[in-house]
Amino acid sequence: MAQQLHVELVAVEEKVWSGDAEMVVARTTEGELGVLPGHAPLLGQLAEPGQVRIKLAGGQQVAYDVAGGFLSVSADGVTVLAESATPVSSQSH
């Protein structure tokens, strides 16, 4: 089984999404960033407007439009702390 990242997406008022994923893609003020298991620790400021895409096992993906906040990568996984996070409606329904 492929290595997984533990991901937490948290907005100011609530935990928005939590689970295991294969990859997280987010746009920071430094540019678009893809995080895979084993990524070096880092702290990045999310670009505004921005989007966080969480790629799950089996090819599924969840995406959220985010405003403000930070992305933190540690040995424990990825935490996205956003001022607001709104699910992106999927076209595949």
Protein backbone atom coordinates (compact mmCIF):
# COMPACT_ATOMS: atom_id res chain seq x y z
CA MET A 1 0.00 0.00 0.00
CA ALA A 2 1.24 3.48 -0.87
CA GLN A 3 2.32 5.79 1.90
CA GLN A 4 -0.38 8.19 3.05
CA LEU A 5 -0.36 11.71 4.44
CA HIS A 6 -2.59 12.61 7.34
CA VAL A 7 -4.36 15.83 6.32
CA GLU A 8 -6.30 18.33 8.43
CA LEU A 9 -8.11 21.23 6.76
CA VAL A 10 -9.29 23.66 9.41
CA ALA A 11 -11.15 26.95 9.04
CA VAL A 12 -11.49 29.52 11.80
CA GLU A 13 -14.81 28.15 13.03
CA GLU A 14 -14.59 24.42 12.31
CA LYS A 15 -12.64 21.40 11.15
CA VAL A 16 -13.55 21.16 7.46
CA TRP A 17 -11.89 17.92 6.35
CA SER A 18 -9.69 15.33 7.97
CA GLY A 19 -8.32 12.06 6.70
CA ASP A 20 -5.55 10.29 4.83
CA ALA A 21 -4.47 11.29 1.35
CA GLU A 22 -1.78 10.54 -1.21
CA MET A 23 -1.02 14.18 -2.03
CA VAL A 24 -2.03 17.74 -1.18
CA VAL A 25 -1.74 20.58 -3.68
CA ALA A 26 -2.03 24.20 -2.54
CA ARG A 27 -1.08 27.61 -3.89
CA THR A 28 1.13 29.59 -1.56
CA THR A 29 2.60 33.06 -1.94
CA GLU A 30 5.74 31.25 -3.19
CA GLY A 31 3.83 29.36 -5.91
CA GLU A 32 1.91 26.10 -6.27
CA LEU A 33 3.12 23.39 -3.94
CA GLY A 34 2.55 19.63 -4.10
CA VAL A 35 3.10 17.71 -0.86
CA LEU A 36 3.75 13.97 -0.89
CA PRO A 37 4.46 11.64 2.06
CA GLY A 38 7.96 12.28 3.42
CA HIS A 39 8.01 15.95 2.39
CA ALA A 40 10.40 18.16 4.33
CA PRO A 41 8.77 20.24 7.09
CA LEU A 42 7.67 23.67 5.94
CA LEU A 43 5.30 26.52 6.68
CA GLY A 44 3.76 28.45 3.78
CA GLN A 45 1.30 31.31 3.54
CA LEU A 46 -1.71 30.48 1.35
CA ALA A 47 -2.18 32.72 -1.68
CA GLU A 48 -5.46 34.61 -2.02
CA PRO A 49 -7.65 33.56 -3.63
CA GLY A 50 -6.43 30.01 -3.34
CA GLN A 51 -7.49 26.42 -3.62
CA VAL A 52 -6.44 23.30 -1.75
CA ARG A 53 -6.76 19.98 -3.57
CA ILE A 54 -6.54 16.74 -1.61
CA LYS A 55 -5.85 13.65 -3.74
CA LEU A 56 -7.19 10.47 -2.15
CA ALA A 57 -6.33 6.83 -2.77
CA GLY A 58 -8.18 5.44 -5.78
CA GLY A 59 -7.93 8.64 -7.81
CA GLN A 60 -10.60 10.61 -5.97
CA GLN A 61 -10.00 14.26 -5.14
CA VAL A 62 -11.62 16.83 -2.88
CA ALA A 63 -11.03 20.54 -3.39
CA TYR A 64 -11.76 23.65 -1.35
CA ASP A 65 -11.54 27.32 -2.19
CA VAL A 66 -9.66 28.90 0.70
CA ALA A 67 -9.13 32.47 1.83
CA GLY A 68 -6.13 33.43 3.91
CA GLY A 69 -4.20 31.23 6.23
CA PHE A 70 -1.25 28.87 6.25
CA LEU A 71 -0.14 25.41 5.18
CA SER A 72 2.05 23.48 7.61
CA VAL A 73 3.92 20.30 6.72
CA SER A 74 5.39 18.26 9.58
CA ALA A 75 6.38 14.68 10.28
CA ASP A 76 2.76 14.12 11.37
CA GLY A 77 1.28 15.23 8.04
CA VAL A 78 -0.26 18.36 6.56
CA THR A 79 -2.37 20.96 8.33
CA VAL A 80 -4.13 23.73 6.41
CA LEU A 81 -5.31 26.60 8.61
CA ALA A 82 -7.58 28.82 6.52
CA GLU A 83 -9.74 31.80 7.42
CA SER A 84 -12.48 30.21 5.32
CA ALA A 85 -12.83 27.04 3.24
CA THR A 86 -15.65 26.36 0.79
CA PRO A 87 -16.04 23.04 -1.04
CA VAL A 88 -15.56 23.26 -4.80
CA SER A 89 -18.57 21.72 -6.52
CA SER A 90 -17.56 18.68 -8.52
CA GLN A 91 -18.58 18.41 -12.17
CA SER A 92 -18.50 14.61 -12.12
CA HIS A 93 -21.89 14.00 -10.45
